[in-house]
C-alpha atoms as a PDB file:
ATOM      1  CA  MET A   1      -0.539 -13.041   5.340  1.00  0.00           C
ATOM      2  CA  THR A   2       2.792 -12.237   6.991  1.00  0.00           C
ATOM      3  CA  ILE A   3       5.966 -10.448   5.892  1.00  0.00           C
ATOM      4  CA  SER A   4       9.187 -11.239   7.744  1.00  0.00           C
ATOM      5  CA  LEU A   5      12.381  -9.215   7.446  1.00  0.00           C
ATOM      6  CA  SER A   6      15.565 -10.787   8.794  1.00  0.00           C
ATOM      7  CA  ASP A   7      18.703  -8.631   9.203  1.00  0.00           C
ATOM      8  CA  ALA A   8      17.559  -6.650   6.161  1.00  0.00           C
ATOM      9  CA  GLY A   9      19.668  -3.909   4.648  1.00  0.00           C
ATOM     10  CA  LYS A  10      19.492  -1.651   1.598  1.00  0.00           C
ATOM     11  CA  ARG A  11      22.146   0.630   0.203  1.00  0.00           C
ATOM     12  CA  PHE A  12      22.664   2.890  -2.783  1.00  0.00           C
ATOM     13  CA  ASN A  13      26.304   2.897  -3.854  1.00  0.00           C
ATOM     14  CA  ARG A  14      28.206   3.037  -0.545  1.00  0.00           C
ATOM     15  CA  ASP A  15      25.439   4.651   1.520  1.00  0.00           C
ATOM     16  CA  TRP A  16      23.322   2.358   3.686  1.00  0.00           C
ATOM     17  CA  ILE A  17      19.673   3.480   3.803  1.00  0.00           C
ATOM     18  CA  TYR A  18      18.856   1.019   6.591  1.00  0.00           C
ATOM     19  CA  ARG A  19      20.610  -2.000   8.017  1.00  0.00           C
ATOM     20  CA  HIS A  20      20.102  -4.892  10.483  1.00  0.00           C
ATOM     21  CA  LEU A  21      16.315  -4.566  10.300  1.00  0.00           C
ATOM     22  CA  THR A  22      14.472  -7.599  11.643  1.00  0.00           C
ATOM     23  CA  TYR A  23      10.699  -7.262  11.861  1.00  0.00           C
ATOM     24  CA  HIS A  24       7.503  -9.292  11.502  1.00  0.00           C
ATOM     25  CA  PHE A  25       4.351  -7.878   9.886  1.00  0.00           C
ATOM     26  CA  GLU A  26       1.025  -9.718   9.920  1.00  0.00           C
ATOM     27  CA  SER A  27      -2.531  -9.312   8.683  1.00  0.00           C
ATOM     28  CA  GLY A  28      -5.011  -7.590  10.963  1.00  0.00           C
ATOM     29  CA  ASN A  29      -2.415  -5.017  12.056  1.00  0.00           C
ATOM     30  CA  ALA A  30      -1.363  -1.587  10.815  1.00  0.00           C
ATOM     31  CA  TYR A  31       2.251  -0.402  10.938  1.00  0.00           C
ATOM     32  CA  ALA A  32       3.808   3.024  10.472  1.00  0.00           C
ATOM     33  CA  ILE A  33       7.264   3.633   9.006  1.00  0.00           C
ATOM     34  CA  THR A  34       8.369   7.020  10.323  1.00  0.00           C
ATOM     35  CA  GLY A  35      11.363   9.301   9.910  1.00  0.00           C
ATOM     36  CA  PRO A  36      12.336  12.625   8.344  1.00  0.00           C
ATOM     37  CA  ASN A  37      12.203  13.342   4.621  1.00  0.00           C
ATOM     38  CA  GLY A  38      14.856  11.446   2.719  1.00  0.00           C
ATOM     39  CA  SER A  39      15.477   8.957   5.526  1.00  0.00           C
ATOM     40  CA  GLY A  40      14.463   5.869   3.505  1.00  0.00           C
ATOM     41  CA  LYS A  41      10.809   5.291   4.387  1.00  0.00           C
ATOM     42  CA  SER A  42       9.750   4.860   0.761  1.00  0.00           C
ATOM     43  CA  THR A  43      12.745   2.633   0.082  1.00  0.00           C
ATOM     44  CA  LEU A  44      11.673   0.249   2.840  1.00  0.00           C
ATOM     45  CA  LEU A  45       8.071   0.298   1.596  1.00  0.00           C
ATOM     46  CA  GLN A  46       9.233  -0.667  -1.911  1.00  0.00           C
ATOM     47  CA  ALA A  47      11.259  -3.540  -0.438  1.00  0.00           C
ATOM     48  CA  LEU A  48       8.129  -4.785   1.360  1.00  0.00           C
ATOM     49  CA  SER A  49       6.222  -4.651  -1.934  1.00  0.00           C
ATOM     50  CA  GLY A  50       8.783  -6.900  -3.607  1.00  0.00           C
ATOM     51  CA  SER A  51       9.676  -4.251  -6.193  1.00  0.00           C
ATOM     52  CA  MET A  52      13.120  -3.499  -4.720  1.00  0.00           C
ATOM     53  CA  LEU A  53      15.742  -6.081  -3.788  1.00  0.00           C
ATOM     54  CA  LEU A  54      17.638  -6.036  -0.507  1.00  0.00           C
ATOM     55  CA  ASN A  55      21.440  -5.834  -0.442  1.00  0.00           C
ATOM     56  CA  GLU A  56      21.682  -8.029   2.641  1.00  0.00           C
ATOM     57  CA  GLY A  57      19.407 -10.115   4.815  1.00  0.00           C
ATOM     58  CA  SER A  58      16.144 -11.621   3.609  1.00  0.00           C
ATOM     59  CA  ILE A  59      12.432 -11.056   3.217  1.00  0.00           C
ATOM     60  CA  SER A  60       9.788 -13.795   3.226  1.00  0.00           C
ATOM     61  CA  TYR A  61       6.041 -13.868   2.638  1.00  0.00           C
ATOM     62  CA  SER A  62       3.711 -16.454   4.156  1.00  0.00           C
ATOM     63  CA  ILE A  63       0.019 -17.199   3.771  1.00  0.00           C
ATOM     64  CA  ILE A  64      -1.616 -18.178   7.046  1.00  0.00           C
ATOM     65  CA  GLY A  65      -5.329 -18.953   6.981  1.00  0.00           C
ATOM     66  CA  ASP A  66      -5.556 -17.610   3.436  1.00  0.00           C
ATOM     67  CA  ARG A  67      -8.818 -15.921   2.414  1.00  0.00           C
ATOM     68  CA  TRP A  68      -8.380 -16.524  -1.323  1.00  0.00           C
ATOM     69  CA  PRO A  69     -10.700 -19.297  -2.681  1.00  0.00           C
ATOM     70  CA  GLU A  70      -8.048 -20.962  -4.869  1.00  0.00           C
ATOM     71  CA  ASN A  71      -5.993 -21.698  -1.751  1.00  0.00           C
ATOM     72  CA  ALA A  72      -8.828 -22.977   0.420  1.00  0.00           C
ATOM     73  CA  ASN A  73      -7.613 -26.594   0.395  1.00  0.00           C
ATOM     74  CA  LYS A  74      -3.911 -25.845   0.816  1.00  0.00           C
ATOM     75  CA  PRO A  75      -1.969 -26.190   4.080  1.00  0.00           C
ATOM     76  CA  GLY A  76      -2.321 -23.258   6.456  1.00  0.00           C
ATOM     77  CA  ASN A  77       1.221 -21.938   6.052  1.00  0.00           C
ATOM     78  CA  GLU A  78       2.445 -21.406   2.482  1.00  0.00           C
ATOM     79  CA  GLN A  79       5.482 -19.465   1.316  1.00  0.00           C
ATOM     80  CA  LEU A  80       5.244 -16.991  -1.573  1.00  0.00           C
ATOM     81  CA  SER A  81       8.175 -15.812  -3.658  1.00  0.00           C
ATOM     82  CA  SER A  82       9.102 -12.131  -4.013  1.00  0.00           C
ATOM     83  CA  GLU A  83       8.518 -12.484  -7.768  1.00  0.00           C
ATOM     84  CA  ASN A  84       4.860 -13.404  -7.255  1.00  0.00           C
ATOM     85  CA  ILE A  85       3.952 -11.244  -4.273  1.00  0.00           C
ATOM     86  CA  TYR A  86       2.736  -8.424  -6.555  1.00  0.00           C
ATOM     87  CA  THR A  87      -0.566 -10.292  -6.937  1.00  0.00           C
ATOM     88  CA  ARG A  88      -1.190  -9.826  -3.205  1.00  0.00           C
ATOM     89  CA  VAL A  89      -0.023  -6.209  -2.882  1.00  0.00           C
ATOM     90  CA  SER A  90      -1.591  -2.854  -3.681  1.00  0.00           C
ATOM     91  CA  ILE A  91       0.280   0.406  -3.209  1.00  0.00           C
ATOM     92  CA  CYS A  92      -0.463   4.129  -3.225  1.00  0.00           C
ATOM     93  CA  ALA A  93       2.519   6.468  -3.551  1.00  0.00           C
ATOM     94  CA  PRO A  94       3.338   9.959  -4.893  1.00  0.00           C
ATOM     95  CA  TYR A  95       5.703   8.481  -7.500  1.00  0.00           C
ATOM     96  CA  LEU A  96       2.991   6.234  -8.980  1.00  0.00           C
ATOM     97  CA  GLU A  97       0.768   7.965 -11.516  1.00  0.00           C
ATOM     98  CA  VAL A  98      -2.703   7.310 -12.850  1.00  0.00           C
ATOM     99  CA  ILE A  99      -3.308   7.249 -16.628  1.00  0.00           C
ATOM    100  CA  GLU A 100      -4.397  10.828 -17.204  1.00  0.00           C
ATOM    101  CA  GLU A 101      -5.607  10.325 -20.801  1.00  0.00           C
ATOM    102  CA  MET A 102      -8.351   8.013 -19.522  1.00  0.00           C
ATOM    103  CA  THR A 103     -11.601   8.987 -17.896  1.00  0.00           C
ATOM    104  CA  LEU A 104     -12.103   7.752 -14.349  1.00  0.00           C
ATOM    105  CA  ASN A 105     -14.498   5.095 -15.572  1.00  0.00           C
ATOM    106  CA  GLU A 106     -11.998   3.874 -18.174  1.00  0.00           C
ATOM    107  CA  PHE A 107      -9.116   3.884 -15.710  1.00  0.00           C
ATOM    108  CA  LEU A 108     -10.965   1.835 -13.096  1.00  0.00           C
ATOM    109  CA  GLN A 109     -12.089  -0.697 -15.723  1.00  0.00           C
ATOM    110  CA  PHE A 110      -8.495  -0.945 -16.960  1.00  0.00           C
ATOM    111  CA  HIS A 111      -7.129  -1.304 -13.425  1.00  0.00           C
ATOM    112  CA  GLN A 112      -9.623  -4.036 -12.606  1.00  0.00           C
ATOM    113  CA  GLY A 113      -8.128  -6.158 -15.376  1.00  0.00           C
ATOM    114  CA  PHE A 114      -4.940  -6.385 -13.313  1.00  0.00           C
ATOM    115  CA  LYS A 115      -6.253  -6.173  -9.739  1.00  0.00           C
ATOM    116  CA  PRO A 116      -9.930  -7.032  -9.161  1.00  0.00           C
ATOM    117  CA  PHE A 117     -11.803  -4.988  -6.594  1.00  0.00           C
ATOM    118  CA  LEU A 118     -12.962  -6.350  -3.251  1.00  0.00           C
ATOM    119  CA  PRO A 119     -16.075  -8.560  -3.302  1.00  0.00           C
ATOM    120  CA  ALA A 120     -19.340  -6.678  -3.921  1.00  0.00           C
ATOM    121  CA  ILE A 121     -17.438  -3.611  -5.182  1.00  0.00           C
ATOM    122  CA  ASP A 122     -17.556  -2.592  -8.837  1.00  0.00           C
ATOM    123  CA  THR A 123     -16.496   0.444 -10.833  1.00  0.00           C
ATOM    124  CA  LYS A 124     -19.704   2.354 -10.104  1.00  0.00           C
ATOM    125  CA  SER A 125     -19.464   1.788  -6.366  1.00  0.00           C
ATOM    126  CA  VAL A 126     -15.788   2.853  -6.327  1.00  0.00           C
ATOM    127  CA  ILE A 127     -16.713   6.142  -7.991  1.00  0.00           C
ATOM    128  CA  SER A 128     -19.522   6.653  -5.492  1.00  0.00           C
ATOM    129  CA  ILE A 129     -17.338   5.823  -2.483  1.00  0.00           C
ATOM    130  CA  ILE A 130     -14.761   8.477  -3.414  1.00  0.00           C
ATOM    131  CA  GLY A 131     -17.445  11.026  -4.340  1.00  0.00           C
ATOM    132  CA  LEU A 132     -16.470  11.624  -7.975  1.00  0.00           C
ATOM    133  CA  GLU A 133     -19.733  10.741  -9.738  1.00  0.00           C
ATOM    134  CA  LYS A 134     -19.877  14.110 -11.509  1.00  0.00           C
ATOM    135  CA  ALA A 135     -16.386  13.649 -12.932  1.00  0.00           C
ATOM    136  CA  GLU A 136     -16.456   9.978 -13.942  1.00  0.00           C
ATOM    137  CA  HIS A 137     -16.519  10.760 -17.689  1.00  0.00           C
ATOM    138  CA  LYS A 138     -13.907  13.506 -17.508  1.00  0.00           C
ATOM    139  CA  GLN A 139     -10.284  12.761 -18.407  1.00  0.00           C
ATOM    140  CA  ILE A 140      -8.185  12.438 -15.256  1.00  0.00           C
ATOM    141  CA  ARG A 141      -5.693  15.036 -16.536  1.00  0.00           C
ATOM    142  CA  TYR A 142      -8.348  17.657 -15.814  1.00  0.00           C
ATOM    143  CA  TYR A 143      -8.721  16.570 -12.177  1.00  0.00           C
ATOM    144  CA  SER A 144      -7.344  18.578  -9.294  1.00  0.00           C
ATOM    145  CA  SER A 145      -4.426  17.102  -7.356  1.00  0.00           C
ATOM    146  CA  GLY A 146      -6.799  16.171  -4.530  1.00  0.00           C
ATOM    147  CA  MET A 147      -9.168  14.354  -6.899  1.00  0.00           C
ATOM    148  CA  LYS A 148      -6.254  12.397  -8.378  1.00  0.00           C
ATOM    149  CA  GLN A 149      -5.191  11.374  -4.867  1.00  0.00           C
ATOM    150  CA  ARG A 150      -8.687  10.062  -4.168  1.00  0.00           C
ATOM    151  CA  VAL A 151      -8.385   7.916  -7.290  1.00  0.00           C
ATOM    152  CA  LYS A 152      -4.986   6.596  -6.162  1.00  0.00           C
ATOM    153  CA  LEU A 153      -6.341   5.693  -2.733  1.00  0.00           C
ATOM    154  CA  ALA A 154      -9.359   3.952  -4.272  1.00  0.00           C
ATOM    155  CA  GLN A 155      -7.352   1.786  -6.673  1.00  0.00           C
ATOM    156  CA  CYS A 156      -5.104   0.796  -3.777  1.00  0.00           C
ATOM    157  CA  ILE A 157      -7.428   0.244  -0.829  1.00  0.00           C
ATOM    158  CA  LEU A 158     -10.394  -1.147  -2.774  1.00  0.00           C
ATOM    159  CA  SER A 159      -8.348  -3.737  -4.687  1.00  0.00           C
ATOM    160  CA  ASP A 160      -8.730  -7.322  -3.473  1.00  0.00           C
ATOM    161  CA  THR A 161      -5.248  -7.701  -1.983  1.00  0.00           C
ATOM    162  CA  ASP A 162      -3.902  -8.919   1.348  1.00  0.00           C
ATOM    163  CA  ILE A 163      -1.255  -6.196   1.726  1.00  0.00           C
ATOM    164  CA  VAL A 164      -1.982  -2.453   1.507  1.00  0.00           C
ATOM    165  CA  LEU A 165       1.044  -0.150   1.318  1.00  0.00           C
ATOM    166  CA  LEU A 166       0.502   3.599   1.652  1.00  0.00           C
ATOM    167  CA  ASP A 167       3.238   6.176   1.055  1.00  0.00           C
ATOM    168  CA  GLU A 168       2.236   9.677   2.258  1.00  0.00           C
ATOM    169  CA  PRO A 169      -1.430   8.817   1.563  1.00  0.00           C
ATOM    170  CA  CYS A 170      -2.893  12.230   2.406  1.00  0.00           C
ATOM    171  CA  THR A 171      -0.755  14.157  -0.097  1.00  0.00           C
ATOM    172  CA  ASN A 172      -2.865  16.966  -1.657  1.00  0.00           C
ATOM    173  CA  LEU A 173      -5.979  16.030   0.339  1.00  0.00           C
ATOM    174  CA  ASP A 174      -8.173  18.613   2.061  1.00  0.00           C
ATOM    175  CA  ALA A 175     -10.026  17.932   5.320  1.00  0.00           C
ATOM    176  CA  ALA A 176     -12.811  16.060   3.514  1.00  0.00           C
ATOM    177  CA  GLY A 177     -10.259  13.945   1.654  1.00  0.00           C
ATOM    178  CA  ILE A 178      -8.433  13.062   4.875  1.00  0.00           C
ATOM    179  CA  SER A 179     -11.743  12.050   6.427  1.00  0.00           C
ATOM    180  CA  LEU A 180     -12.429   9.843   3.376  1.00  0.00           C
ATOM    181  CA  TYR A 181      -8.982   8.239   3.761  1.00  0.00           C
ATOM    182  CA  HIS A 182      -9.649   7.254   7.379  1.00  0.00           C
ATOM    183  CA  SER A 183     -13.111   5.995   6.451  1.00  0.00           C
ATOM    184  CA  LEU A 184     -11.595   3.739   3.762  1.00  0.00           C
ATOM    185  CA  ILE A 185      -9.094   2.371   6.278  1.00  0.00           C
ATOM    186  CA  ASP A 186     -11.766   1.750   8.928  1.00  0.00           C
ATOM    187  CA  THR A 187     -14.169   0.093   6.506  1.00  0.00           C
ATOM    188  CA  TYR A 188     -11.948  -1.987   4.233  1.00  0.00           C
ATOM    189  CA  CYS A 189      -8.662  -2.724   6.003  1.00  0.00           C
ATOM    190  CA  LYS A 190      -9.563  -4.426   9.280  1.00  0.00           C
ATOM    191  CA  ASN A 191      -8.336  -7.910   8.305  1.00  0.00           C
ATOM    192  CA  ARG A 192      -5.503  -6.846   6.026  1.00  0.00           C
ATOM    193  CA  LEU A 193      -1.837  -6.020   6.501  1.00  0.00           C
ATOM    194  CA  VAL A 194      -1.441  -2.231   6.278  1.00  0.00           C
ATOM    195  CA  VAL A 195       1.848  -0.309   6.240  1.00  0.00           C
ATOM    196  CA  VAL A 196       1.945   3.493   6.125  1.00  0.00           C
ATOM    197  CA  SER A 197       5.117   5.415   5.281  1.00  0.00           C
ATOM    198  CA  SER A 198       4.837   8.949   6.650  1.00  0.00           C
ATOM    199  CA  ASN A 199       6.189  11.596   9.018  1.00  0.00           C
ATOM    200  CA  ASP A 200       2.690  13.055   9.544  1.00  0.00           C
ATOM    201  CA  GLU A 201       0.769  11.536  12.452  1.00  0.00           C
ATOM    202  CA  VAL A 202      -2.557  12.338  10.775  1.00  0.00           C
ATOM    203  CA  GLU A 203      -1.726   9.711   8.163  1.00  0.00           C
ATOM    204  CA  TYR A 204      -0.798   6.916  10.583  1.00  0.00           C
ATOM    205  CA  ARG A 205      -2.729   7.654  13.785  1.00  0.00           C
ATOM    206  CA  PHE A 206      -4.545   4.285  13.539  1.00  0.00           C
ATOM    207  CA  CYS A 207      -1.263   2.315  13.434  1.00  0.00           C
ATOM    208  CA  LYS A 208      -0.483   0.428  16.632  1.00  0.00           C
ATOM    209  CA  GLU A 209       3.146  -0.301  15.771  1.00  0.00           C
ATOM    210  CA  LYS A 210       5.773   2.184  14.573  1.00  0.00           C
ATOM    211  CA  ILE A 211       9.173   1.657  12.968  1.00  0.00           C
ATOM    212  CA  ASN A 212      11.524   4.649  13.049  1.00  0.00           C
ATOM    213  CA  ILE A 213      13.830   4.201  10.082  1.00  0.00           C
ATOM    214  CA  ASN A 214      16.540   6.184  11.875  1.00  0.00           C
ATOM    215  CA  ASP A 215      16.867   3.338  14.391  1.00  0.00           C
ATOM    216  CA  TYR A 216      18.332   1.222  11.595  1.00  0.00           C
ATOM    217  CA  LYS A 217      21.001   3.599  10.308  1.00  0.00           C
ATOM    218  CA  ARG A 218      23.739   2.058  12.430  1.00  0.00           C
ATOM    219  CA  LEU A 219      26.653   0.590  10.488  1.00  0.00           C
END
């Protein structure tokens, strides 16, 4: 899977958040979007997810050597539309909430109806991986902020998607939670396209490529 931005720009009213951004993202690599608070990191991440339209330039998605069974007999390079890319993307972000009236077990079953988990992973194994076995039948509204963040990371990273987008992924996590986050990345993201939006190096230390959003503020 690849994402290609060509002369991309996004603005709100008359203010350009970023402009003239040309970049190529591909599976098997991890990328960091860096910059100070309010600089537009999350805005760029939402554009990559297909949930926010650009004001100028273009974004394209291509499948190369696709791992999904239904595409096994298709040519090696297939274009996907922005409208359909959501099936290939999972995202974890502070502005996305879990359903707090559900128990963890109920929420994961519900989530799986939209985004199946990776092969050989089911609801029980997800709960075990994130260490919340004792709280699986408790409503999520009674979870601590750190427990909720573990749930968000699980539903993102353990979903069977090609693209994993992470916005400030260690928000509210203690040392054990941060260790879990890096373990999830190491174990489940090797062959996927990972993009981390953050200004904290702890969250993106595994990323080999970095994009400073401030480099694309020029008018």
